[in-house]
Amino acid sequence: MAYAKITLTLIFCLTMILTSVESVYAQTDFPKDQIDHFIRSKMEENHIPGLAVAITRDDKVIFSRGYGKTADQSPISGDTPFAIASLSKSFTALAVMQLAESGRVDLDKPIAHYIPSFQLNDPRGMTITVRQLLSHTSGLTDTVYPDMTIHPQPDSLEEVVQRLHEVTLHSEPGSEFHYNNTNYQLLARLVEVVSKEKFPDYLQRHIFTPLEMKRTFHVSNTKQLIEKSSTISGGHYFLFGKPIATEEPEWFVEGAAGMVSTINDMAKWLIIQGNSGKYNNVQLLSSEGIRTMHSPTGPKESYGLGWEISKTADGKKQIEHGGILWTYQAQELVIPDQKLGIVILFNSGLNTFVDYYSFVSGLSGILTNSPPENSLFTHTMLESGMCSIILITVLLGIRRLWRLKKWEEQYKKRPSWLTFLSFILMLLPLFLLLFLPKMITFFGGERVLSLEGIFMMMPSIIIGLAIASFQNLVIVIARVIRICQIRIQSRGSQNQTINRTTTEGQFMG
């Protein structure tokens, strides 16, 4: 009897334990179907040809999947390589922090202390510290050294240092935040000088190998992406919403945007961000070092050392970074308190009408019980709108040329200033097209972009402006010619009247 009671008690306890476990599992059940549906819907809305997603929690990868196809029509998997662009900066920052923790680099010493060849055409350059480079507060900007548009592009990190000899700083070091790739090229050169290893070799030995990132490597120039085409498939830009496979324009990217990786490899990188710098019992950086990288530095409260800093909808701290090339895009996000990490790699590049960040923020919302909001405007809607605008512009242009006679009648009744004003307004698309690079620089944080890059970023807008500019210019020229003809005819009539009056006067006399 006693044994029977004990047995019943054990069965009851076991049942309660199993029920509790099932309850906990139900509460923490991972929403794979919801995530899968969200990603597929967003890809369809934005015509994304291919992407890969990884999600980590604690020290585990809880989701890893590829969607769509590469440029050569191969299915994308968790091991498909992508150019990750500026996500590379956080790796460069970690390399510098490793050297700092080993005592070989002082973050608050001038960069010139470590790179003797570093010199600007500005005495303030000698005071730029390592920390200021890491936090983009060095005073260097695209406007003083437009790294994306310089031709020819540098061949090495040391050549970047040499080219800076003619540069004058935009602002006092430490006083202003200006996101700038050259900062991280200088930091990569710092790693080379101090470690006495080539920068890609340092990354391989001290970061990629310990993290078991076996499919990750670093290139110095985007043209090497083409040379490694057997390893990495090409990316895309969008033309009226259709992804077009193309080669990435040439650009020197070492240290700032030169890494190629996979989401399975990048998932391991995210794990150390939420796990105090540790991966599989290997400590790549101390927990204090990770906290320093994730903390605001300098005058901008939303940037640390290689990471952007923001808050979730419910106020939790999150660190993130985007990577942008003309044919590739990448987004990563970590919520340290929840040890949650998300990385998405795209084989399509920067486009005015595609909100890549909405992908990662949407996944974050799903995982933190803050459902993502539907986008008010989709890529399809915006591109369709541009097509409609272009069509209407062409039809209006044809109509204006067709109705030149009617315009002529109205012109004769109008004051001259109103006609002049109408010409200025019609030439506005041409002015916008000509000054677009400067406008992008002014409104885009002083980033200086190449003309090729601007076209790949907004081809439908450029084509629309070009069509409007051409036909409006033709209409203005046609109207100006007609005005000249009218005035010549008018002067001829006046002369005939004067001659007739003179002749009649002489006859009467």
Protein backbone atom coordinates (compact mmCIF):
# COMPACT_ATOMS: atom_id res chain seq x y z
CA MET A 1 0.00 0.00 0.00
CA ALA A 2 2.80 2.36 0.94
CA TYR A 3 4.51 1.64 -2.37
CA ALA A 4 1.28 2.35 -4.21
CA LYS A 5 0.96 5.76 -2.51
CA ILE A 6 4.56 6.58 -3.29
CA THR A 7 4.06 5.54 -6.92
CA LEU A 8 0.91 7.66 -7.27
CA THR A 9 2.72 10.62 -5.68
CA LEU A 10 5.63 10.28 -8.10
CA ILE A 11 3.27 10.02 -11.06
CA PHE A 12 1.41 13.15 -9.88
CA CYS A 13 4.65 15.11 -9.43
CA LEU A 14 5.98 13.97 -12.80
CA THR A 15 2.70 14.98 -14.44
CA MET A 16 2.90 18.43 -12.86
CA ILE A 17 6.50 18.86 -13.98
CA LEU A 18 5.70 17.82 -17.54
CA THR A 19 2.68 20.13 -17.59
CA SER A 20 4.84 23.02 -16.40
CA VAL A 21 7.48 22.27 -19.04
CA GLU A 22 4.83 22.11 -21.78
CA SER A 23 3.36 25.39 -20.53
CA VAL A 24 6.76 27.12 -20.61
CA TYR A 25 7.45 25.72 -24.07
CA ALA A 26 4.08 26.97 -25.30
CA GLN A 27 4.88 30.45 -24.01
CA THR A 28 8.28 30.51 -25.65
CA ASP A 29 7.34 28.66 -28.85
CA PHE A 30 9.35 30.22 -31.67
CA PRO A 31 7.06 31.80 -34.31
CA LYS A 32 8.77 30.30 -37.37
CA ASP A 33 5.64 30.37 -39.54
CA GLN A 34 4.94 34.01 -38.69
CA ILE A 35 8.55 34.98 -39.43
CA ASP A 36 8.53 33.01 -42.68
CA HIS A 37 5.28 34.66 -43.81
CA PHE A 38 6.56 38.13 -42.89
CA ILE A 39 9.80 37.72 -44.84
CA ARG A 40 8.11 36.32 -47.95
CA SER A 41 5.51 39.11 -47.92
CA LYS A 42 8.17 41.81 -47.54
CA MET A 43 10.25 40.29 -50.34
CA GLU A 44 7.24 40.26 -52.66
CA GLU A 45 6.28 43.86 -51.76
CA ASN A 46 9.82 45.08 -52.47
CA HIS A 47 10.82 42.74 -55.33
CA ILE A 48 13.85 41.49 -53.37
CA PRO A 49 15.54 38.77 -55.50
CA GLY A 50 17.23 37.03 -52.58
CA LEU A 51 18.14 37.31 -48.92
CA ALA A 52 19.22 35.23 -45.95
CA VAL A 53 18.18 35.59 -42.29
CA ALA A 54 19.64 34.36 -39.02
CA ILE A 55 18.27 34.88 -35.51
CA THR A 56 20.18 34.10 -32.31
CA ARG A 57 19.09 33.84 -28.69
CA ASP A 58 21.63 33.48 -25.88
CA ASP A 59 24.44 31.41 -27.43
CA LYS A 60 22.24 29.51 -29.91
CA VAL A 61 21.16 30.03 -33.50
CA ILE A 62 17.39 29.59 -33.40
CA PHE A 63 16.59 30.46 -37.02
CA SER A 64 18.67 30.35 -40.19
CA ARG A 65 17.20 30.34 -43.66
CA GLY A 66 17.80 31.56 -47.19
CA TYR A 67 15.11 32.93 -49.50
CA GLY A 68 15.03 33.53 -53.25
CA LYS A 69 17.93 33.08 -55.63
CA THR A 70 21.37 34.45 -56.40
CA ALA A 71 22.16 36.39 -59.58
CA ASP A 72 23.13 33.09 -61.27
CA GLN A 73 19.76 31.60 -60.19
CA SER A 74 21.11 29.30 -57.48
CA PRO A 75 18.92 28.85 -54.37
CA ILE A 76 20.09 30.92 -51.40
CA SER A 77 21.02 29.05 -48.23
CA GLY A 78 22.53 29.86 -44.88
CA ASP A 79 25.99 29.39 -46.43
CA THR A 80 25.49 31.66 -49.43
CA PRO A 81 28.10 34.48 -49.32
CA PHE A 82 27.06 38.14 -49.47
CA ALA A 83 29.02 41.39 -49.38
CA ILE A 84 28.11 42.86 -45.95
CA ALA A 85 29.41 46.39 -46.62
CA SER A 86 29.55 48.61 -43.50
CA LEU A 87 28.76 45.77 -41.12
CA SER A 88 32.52 45.34 -41.55
CA LYS A 89 33.12 48.40 -39.37
CA SER A 90 32.20 46.61 -36.15
CA PHE A 91 34.80 43.93 -36.96
CA THR A 92 37.46 46.61 -37.50
CA ALA A 93 36.42 48.19 -34.21
CA LEU A 94 36.75 44.84 -32.41
CA ALA A 95 40.24 44.36 -33.86
CA VAL A 96 41.28 47.77 -32.48
CA MET A 97 39.69 46.97 -29.10
CA GLN A 98 41.61 43.68 -28.94
CA LEU A 99 44.86 45.57 -29.43
CA ALA A 100 43.77 48.08 -26.80
CA GLU A 101 43.07 45.33 -24.26
CA SER A 102 46.45 43.77 -24.96
CA GLY A 103 48.06 47.12 -24.08
CA ARG A 104 49.37 47.85 -27.58
CA VAL A 105 46.92 50.64 -28.39
CA ASP A 106 45.67 53.53 -26.25
CA LEU A 107 42.28 54.71 -27.55
CA ASP A 108 42.95 58.26 -26.42
CA LYS A 109 46.33 58.67 -28.09
CA PRO A 110 46.60 60.41 -31.48
CA ILE A 111 46.51 58.13 -34.50
CA ALA A 112 49.74 59.83 -35.65
CA HIS A 113 51.48 58.18 -32.68
CA TYR A 114 50.91 54.79 -34.31
CA ILE A 115 51.05 55.79 -37.99
CA PRO A 116 54.04 58.16 -38.39
CA SER A 117 53.18 58.79 -42.07
CA PHE A 118 49.76 60.19 -41.10
CA GLN A 119 49.65 63.93 -41.70
CA LEU A 120 46.97 66.36 -42.88
CA ASN A 121 47.17 69.81 -44.38
CA ASP A 122 45.77 70.93 -41.03
CA PRO A 123 47.60 71.03 -37.66
CA ARG A 124 44.44 69.78 -35.93
CA GLY A 125 44.98 66.43 -37.65
CA MET A 126 47.80 65.63 -35.23
CA THR A 127 45.29 65.60 -32.34
CA ILE A 128 42.85 63.05 -33.85
CA THR A 129 42.65 60.11 -31.46
CA VAL A 130 41.90 56.45 -32.08
CA ARG A 131 38.62 56.80 -30.17
CA GLN A 132 37.55 59.71 -32.37
CA LEU A 133 38.11 57.60 -35.48
CA LEU A 134 36.06 54.77 -33.95
CA SER A 135 33.20 57.14 -33.11
CA HIS A 136 33.29 59.13 -36.40
CA THR A 137 34.19 62.37 -34.64
CA SER A 138 37.62 62.91 -36.23
CA GLY A 139 36.53 65.90 -38.33
CA LEU A 140 37.00 63.98 -41.59
CA THR A 141 34.00 64.06 -43.94
CA ASP A 142 33.20 63.08 -47.52
CA THR A 143 33.26 66.74 -48.49
CA VAL A 144 36.95 67.08 -47.58
CA TYR A 145 37.93 63.59 -48.80
CA PRO A 146 35.24 62.03 -51.05
CA ASP A 147 36.49 58.45 -50.88
CA MET A 148 33.73 57.02 -53.13
CA THR A 149 34.33 59.39 -56.05
CA ILE A 150 38.12 59.67 -56.10
CA HIS A 151 39.66 58.39 -59.32
CA PRO A 152 41.72 56.36 -59.49
CA GLN A 153 40.81 54.58 -56.28
CA PRO A 154 43.65 53.80 -53.81
CA ASP A 155 45.45 50.46 -54.01
CA SER A 156 46.30 50.13 -50.31
CA LEU A 157 45.62 51.47 -46.83
CA GLU A 158 48.97 53.26 -46.83
CA GLU A 159 48.02 55.01 -50.06
CA VAL A 160 44.89 56.32 -48.29
CA VAL A 161 47.18 57.76 -45.59
CA GLN A 162 49.34 59.43 -48.23
CA ARG A 163 46.37 60.97 -50.05
CA LEU A 164 45.17 62.59 -46.84
CA HIS A 165 48.25 64.84 -46.80
CA GLU A 166 46.34 67.50 -48.76
CA VAL A 167 43.16 67.35 -46.66
CA THR A 168 41.88 70.04 -44.30
CA LEU A 169 39.46 68.95 -41.57
CA HIS A 170 35.79 69.86 -41.76
CA SER A 171 35.51 70.40 -37.99
CA GLU A 172 37.47 70.30 -34.74
CA PRO A 173 38.29 66.70 -33.75
CA GLY A 174 35.81 65.42 -31.17
CA SER A 175 33.27 68.20 -31.73
CA GLU A 176 30.95 66.80 -34.42
CA PHE A 177 29.72 63.41 -35.67
CA HIS A 178 30.22 62.72 -39.37
CA TYR A 179 29.90 59.13 -40.60
CA ASN A 180 32.94 58.57 -42.79
CA ASN A 181 34.57 55.47 -44.28
CA THR A 182 38.07 56.94 -44.17
CA ASN A 183 38.01 56.80 -40.36
CA TYR A 184 37.84 53.02 -40.52
CA GLN A 185 40.43 52.74 -43.28
CA LEU A 186 42.83 54.56 -40.96
CA LEU A 187 41.89 52.16 -38.15
CA ALA A 188 42.59 49.18 -40.42
CA ARG A 189 46.02 50.66 -41.15
CA LEU A 190 46.53 51.09 -37.41
CA VAL A 191 45.83 47.36 -36.93
CA GLU A 192 48.39 46.53 -39.61
CA VAL A 193 51.11 48.75 -38.15
CA VAL A 194 50.65 47.63 -34.55
CA SER A 195 50.07 43.90 -35.17
CA LYS A 196 52.57 43.70 -38.06
CA GLU A 197 50.00 41.64 -39.98
CA LYS A 198 48.05 42.49 -43.11
CA PHE A 199 44.59 43.61 -42.12
CA PRO A 200 42.71 40.66 -43.73
CA ASP A 201 45.22 38.27 -42.13
CA TYR A 202 44.63 39.81 -38.70
CA LEU A 203 40.87 39.41 -39.06
CA GLN A 204 41.29 35.81 -40.15
CA ARG A 205 43.62 34.85 -37.32
CA HIS A 206 42.09 36.77 -34.41
CA ILE A 207 38.36 36.95 -35.26
CA PHE A 208 37.19 34.67 -38.09
CA THR A 209 39.07 31.54 -36.96
CA PRO A 210 38.13 31.77 -33.23
CA LEU A 211 34.49 32.35 -34.24
CA GLU A 212 34.62 29.47 -36.73
CA MET A 213 33.53 31.85 -39.51
CA LYS A 214 34.83 29.53 -42.21
CA ARG A 215 33.15 31.21 -45.20
CA THR A 216 34.06 34.80 -44.28
CA PHE A 217 36.84 36.81 -45.90
CA HIS A 218 37.86 40.40 -46.60
CA VAL A 219 38.50 42.22 -49.88
CA SER A 220 40.22 45.58 -50.35
CA ASN A 221 38.37 46.70 -53.49
CA THR A 222 34.89 45.90 -54.79
CA LYS A 223 36.38 44.77 -58.10
CA GLN A 224 37.69 41.76 -56.16
CA LEU A 225 34.05 40.72 -55.74
CA ILE A 226 34.06 40.14 -59.51
CA GLU A 227 37.38 38.29 -59.34
CA LYS A 228 35.88 36.02 -56.67
CA SER A 229 32.69 35.44 -58.69
CA SER A 230 33.09 31.69 -58.22
CA THR A 231 32.75 32.32 -54.48
CA ILE A 232 30.23 35.16 -54.35
CA SER A 233 27.36 35.72 -56.75
CA GLY A 234 26.70 39.22 -58.09
CA GLY A 235 24.15 41.61 -56.63
CA HIS A 236 21.35 43.68 -58.11
CA TYR A 237 19.99 47.19 -58.47
CA PHE A 238 16.35 48.03 -59.21
CA LEU A 239 15.10 49.49 -62.49
CA PHE A 240 11.42 50.45 -62.17
CA GLY A 241 11.08 47.79 -59.47
CA LYS A 242 12.75 45.02 -61.45
CA PRO A 243 16.01 43.65 -59.98
CA ILE A 244 18.84 43.88 -62.50
CA ALA A 245 21.96 41.77 -61.90
CA THR A 246 25.09 43.86 -62.32
CA GLU A 247 28.66 44.35 -61.11
CA GLU A 248 29.38 46.53 -58.10
CA PRO A 249 31.06 49.84 -59.12
CA GLU A 250 34.75 50.01 -58.19
CA TRP A 251 35.43 51.31 -54.71
CA PHE A 252 38.28 50.85 -52.21
CA VAL A 253 36.58 49.31 -49.15
CA GLU A 254 39.30 47.81 -46.94
CA GLY A 255 38.59 48.30 -43.25
CA ALA A 256 35.31 50.12 -43.82
CA ALA A 257 33.13 47.89 -46.02
CA GLY A 258 35.19 45.03 -47.39
CA MET A 259 33.86 41.86 -45.77
CA VAL A 260 32.04 38.96 -47.41
CA SER A 261 30.17 36.56 -45.15
CA THR A 262 27.18 34.26 -44.73
CA ILE A 263 24.31 34.43 -42.27
CA ASN A 264 25.49 31.25 -40.58
CA ASP A 265 28.85 32.92 -39.96
CA MET A 266 27.29 36.27 -39.00
CA ALA A 267 25.08 34.52 -36.45
CA LYS A 268 28.22 33.60 -34.51
CA TRP A 269 29.26 37.26 -34.61
CA LEU A 270 25.91 38.28 -33.12
CA ILE A 271 26.23 35.71 -30.35
CA ILE A 272 29.35 37.33 -28.89
CA GLN A 273 27.59 40.72 -28.83
CA GLY A 274 24.92 39.41 -26.46
CA ASN A 275 27.20 36.95 -24.69
CA SER A 276 29.79 39.38 -23.28
CA GLY A 277 32.35 38.73 -26.03
CA LYS A 278 32.36 34.96 -25.57
CA TYR A 279 31.85 32.17 -28.11
CA ASN A 280 32.26 28.46 -27.33
CA ASN A 281 34.46 29.23 -24.29
CA VAL A 282 36.65 31.54 -26.41
CA GLN A 283 36.74 35.14 -25.11
CA LEU A 284 37.37 37.41 -28.10
CA LEU A 285 37.01 40.58 -26.03
CA SER A 286 36.25 41.26 -22.38
CA SER A 287 32.69 42.00 -21.31
CA GLU A 288 33.84 45.53 -20.42
CA GLY A 289 35.26 45.96 -23.89
CA ILE A 290 31.95 44.86 -25.47
CA ARG A 291 30.04 47.29 -23.23
CA THR A 292 32.38 50.10 -24.31
CA MET A 293 31.72 49.35 -27.97
CA HIS A 294 27.96 49.34 -27.30
CA SER A 295 27.97 52.65 -25.39
CA PRO A 296 27.54 56.17 -26.83
CA THR A 297 30.79 58.06 -27.36
CA GLY A 298 31.35 61.70 -28.23
CA PRO A 299 28.75 64.33 -29.14
CA LYS A 300 26.35 61.88 -30.85
CA GLU A 301 24.39 59.82 -28.34
CA SER A 302 23.40 57.24 -30.94
CA TYR A 303 26.82 55.91 -31.96
CA GLY A 304 29.35 53.90 -29.99
CA LEU A 305 32.47 52.23 -31.38
CA GLY A 306 31.45 50.61 -34.65
CA TRP A 307 27.79 50.31 -33.61
CA GLU A 308 24.69 52.50 -33.79
CA ILE A 309 22.68 52.69 -30.57
CA SER A 310 18.91 53.08 -30.29
CA LYS A 311 15.91 51.81 -28.32
CA THR A 312 13.17 49.30 -28.99
CA ALA A 313 9.49 50.27 -28.92
CA ASP A 314 9.32 49.32 -25.23
CA GLY A 315 12.44 51.31 -24.33
CA LYS A 316 15.07 48.56 -24.28
CA LYS A 317 18.54 49.33 -25.57
CA GLN A 318 19.44 47.88 -28.95
CA ILE A 319 22.59 48.10 -31.03
CA GLU A 320 22.53 47.89 -34.78
CA HIS A 321 24.29 48.71 -38.00
CA GLY A 322 23.43 48.81 -41.67
CA GLY A 323 25.66 47.97 -44.60
CA ILE A 324 25.10 49.60 -47.97
CA LEU A 325 26.61 48.92 -51.36
CA TRP A 326 25.02 49.67 -54.73
CA THR A 327 24.22 45.98 -55.31
CA TYR A 328 24.15 44.56 -51.77
CA GLN A 329 22.56 45.52 -48.46
CA ALA A 330 22.88 44.18 -44.91
CA GLN A 331 21.20 44.83 -41.56
CA GLU A 332 22.07 43.58 -38.10
CA LEU A 333 20.43 44.24 -34.74
CA VAL A 334 21.13 43.06 -31.18
CA ILE A 335 19.02 43.56 -28.06
CA PRO A 336 21.63 42.88 -25.34
CA ASP A 337 19.15 42.58 -22.43
CA GLN A 338 17.38 39.74 -24.21
CA LYS A 339 20.52 38.32 -25.81
CA LEU A 340 18.59 38.47 -29.07
CA GLY A 341 20.33 39.00 -32.41
CA ILE A 342 19.03 39.37 -35.98
CA VAL A 343 21.03 39.62 -39.20
CA ILE A 344 19.66 39.89 -42.75
CA LEU A 345 21.83 39.91 -45.88
CA PHE A 346 20.35 41.01 -49.23
CA ASN A 347 21.66 40.56 -52.77
CA SER A 348 20.11 43.87 -53.83
CA GLY A 349 21.49 47.32 -53.12
CA LEU A 350 20.58 50.81 -52.00
CA ASN A 351 17.30 52.07 -53.46
CA THR A 352 15.28 55.15 -52.56
CA PHE A 353 12.02 53.20 -52.51
CA VAL A 354 13.11 50.14 -50.48
CA ASP A 355 13.08 50.32 -46.69
CA TYR A 356 15.53 47.57 -45.80
CA TYR A 357 15.47 48.46 -42.12
CA SER A 358 11.77 47.54 -41.95
CA PHE A 359 12.79 43.90 -42.45
CA VAL A 360 14.94 43.73 -39.32
CA SER A 361 12.68 46.00 -37.25
CA GLY A 362 9.68 43.87 -38.26
CA LEU A 363 11.39 40.67 -37.13
CA SER A 364 12.39 42.36 -33.88
CA GLY A 365 8.76 43.33 -33.35
CA ILE A 366 7.55 39.77 -33.89
CA LEU A 367 10.12 38.38 -31.45
CA THR A 368 9.41 40.97 -28.75
CA ASN A 369 5.60 40.83 -29.03
CA SER A 370 5.42 44.20 -30.81
CA PRO A 371 3.85 43.26 -34.15
CA PRO A 372 5.29 45.21 -37.10
CA GLU A 373 3.14 47.86 -38.72
CA ASN A 374 2.26 47.57 -42.38
CA SER A 375 4.14 49.97 -44.62
CA LEU A 376 2.00 52.84 -45.90
CA PHE A 377 3.78 52.77 -49.27
CA THR A 378 5.37 49.69 -50.81
CA HIS A 379 8.14 49.53 -53.38
CA THR A 380 5.57 48.44 -55.99
CA MET A 381 3.30 51.40 -55.24
CA LEU A 382 6.13 53.93 -55.39
CA GLU A 383 7.63 52.57 -58.60
CA SER A 384 4.16 52.41 -60.17
CA GLY A 385 3.66 56.02 -59.11
CA MET A 386 6.93 57.02 -60.79
CA CYS A 387 5.90 55.25 -64.01
CA SER A 388 2.59 57.12 -63.93
CA ILE A 389 4.37 60.45 -63.34
CA ILE A 390 6.75 59.80 -66.25
CA LEU A 391 3.85 58.85 -68.55
CA ILE A 392 1.85 61.95 -67.58
CA THR A 393 4.97 64.11 -68.06
CA VAL A 394 5.50 62.75 -71.59
CA LEU A 395 1.83 63.23 -72.53
CA LEU A 396 1.81 66.79 -71.17
CA GLY A 397 4.99 67.56 -73.11
CA ILE A 398 3.47 66.29 -76.36
CA ARG A 399 0.31 68.30 -75.63
CA ARG A 400 2.32 71.48 -75.03
CA LEU A 401 4.18 71.12 -78.32
CA TRP A 402 0.95 70.34 -80.15
CA ARG A 403 -0.72 73.44 -78.69
CA LEU A 404 2.11 75.84 -79.56
CA LYS A 405 -0.26 78.05 -81.60
CA LYS A 406 -2.70 78.34 -78.69
CA TRP A 407 0.18 79.19 -76.34
CA GLU A 408 1.23 81.90 -78.81
CA GLU A 409 -2.20 83.52 -78.58
CA GLN A 410 -2.04 83.47 -74.76
CA TYR A 411 1.53 84.80 -74.78
CA LYS A 412 0.45 87.94 -76.62
CA LYS A 413 -2.02 88.71 -73.81
CA ARG A 414 0.36 87.98 -70.90
CA PRO A 415 2.91 90.23 -69.22
CA SER A 416 6.50 89.29 -70.08
CA TRP A 417 7.45 88.47 -66.49
CA LEU A 418 4.79 85.74 -66.33
CA THR A 419 6.23 84.07 -69.42
CA PHE A 420 9.74 84.27 -67.97
CA LEU A 421 8.50 82.70 -64.70
CA SER A 422 6.86 79.84 -66.61
CA PHE A 423 10.19 79.12 -68.35
CA ILE A 424 11.99 78.98 -65.00
CA LEU A 425 9.43 76.52 -63.63
CA MET A 426 9.67 74.34 -66.73
CA LEU A 427 13.47 74.19 -66.39
CA LEU A 428 13.23 73.18 -62.73
CA PRO A 429 13.64 69.41 -63.50
CA LEU A 430 16.87 70.24 -65.36
CA PHE A 431 18.18 72.24 -62.39
CA LEU A 432 17.26 69.37 -60.04
CA LEU A 433 19.05 66.87 -62.28
CA LEU A 434 22.21 68.98 -62.51
CA PHE A 435 22.37 69.78 -58.80
CA LEU A 436 21.13 66.42 -57.49
CA PRO A 437 24.60 65.24 -56.29
CA LYS A 438 25.05 68.42 -54.23
CA MET A 439 21.52 68.15 -52.83
CA ILE A 440 22.15 64.55 -51.77
CA THR A 441 25.36 65.65 -50.06
CA PHE A 442 23.58 68.51 -48.28
CA PHE A 443 20.60 66.49 -47.06
CA GLY A 444 22.39 63.15 -46.68
CA GLY A 445 24.85 63.85 -43.88
CA GLU A 446 27.49 65.24 -46.26
CA ARG A 447 27.95 61.90 -48.05
CA VAL A 448 29.45 62.39 -51.51
CA LEU A 449 28.21 59.79 -54.00
CA SER A 450 29.35 58.94 -57.51
CA LEU A 451 27.06 59.67 -60.46
CA GLU A 452 26.91 55.95 -61.24
CA GLY A 453 25.94 55.22 -57.64
CA ILE A 454 23.24 57.91 -57.64
CA PHE A 455 21.70 56.41 -60.78
CA MET A 456 21.71 52.89 -59.28
CA MET A 457 20.13 54.26 -56.11
CA MET A 458 17.23 56.01 -57.86
CA PRO A 459 17.10 55.07 -61.57
CA SER A 460 13.38 55.75 -62.01
CA ILE A 461 13.76 59.23 -60.50
CA ILE A 462 16.82 59.99 -62.64
CA ILE A 463 15.09 58.75 -65.81
CA GLY A 464 11.96 60.75 -64.93
CA LEU A 465 13.99 63.93 -64.36
CA ALA A 466 15.98 63.34 -67.57
CA ILE A 467 12.83 62.92 -69.66
CA ALA A 468 11.16 65.96 -68.06
CA SER A 469 14.35 68.01 -68.48
CA PHE A 470 14.77 67.11 -72.16
CA GLN A 471 11.21 67.68 -73.27
CA ASN A 472 10.77 70.85 -71.20
CA LEU A 473 14.01 72.21 -72.65
CA VAL A 474 12.71 71.45 -76.16
CA ILE A 475 9.43 73.21 -75.36
CA VAL A 476 11.20 76.25 -73.89
CA ILE A 477 13.49 76.48 -76.93
CA ALA A 478 10.50 76.16 -79.29
CA ARG A 479 8.64 78.89 -77.43
CA VAL A 480 11.68 81.19 -77.27
CA ILE A 481 12.16 80.75 -81.04
CA ARG A 482 8.49 81.60 -81.57
CA ILE A 483 8.81 84.67 -79.33
CA CYS A 484 11.79 85.84 -81.40
CA GLN A 485 9.82 85.31 -84.61
CA ILE A 486 6.84 87.22 -83.20
CA ARG A 487 9.08 90.11 -82.18
CA ILE A 488 10.81 90.18 -85.58
CA GLN A 489 7.44 90.17 -87.31
CA SER A 490 6.22 92.87 -84.96
CA ARG A 491 9.28 95.03 -85.69
CA GLY A 492 8.79 94.42 -89.40
CA SER A 493 5.18 95.53 -89.16
CA GLN A 494 6.19 98.60 -87.18
CA ASN A 495 8.83 99.50 -89.79
CA GLN A 496 6.32 99.05 -92.59
CA THR A 497 3.85 101.30 -90.76
CA ILE A 498 6.55 103.95 -90.20
CA ASN A 499 7.63 103.76 -93.84
CA ARG A 500 4.04 103.99 -95.03
CA THR A 501 3.38 106.98 -92.75
CA THR A 502 6.55 108.71 -94.00
CA THR A 503 5.66 108.08 -97.62
CA GLU A 504 2.13 109.39 -97.15
CA GLY A 505 3.52 112.48 -95.40
CA GLN A 506 5.90 113.20 -98.24
CA PHE A 507 3.13 112.71 -100.78
CA MET A 508 0.77 115.07 -98.94
CA GLY A 509 3.60 117.59 -98.66
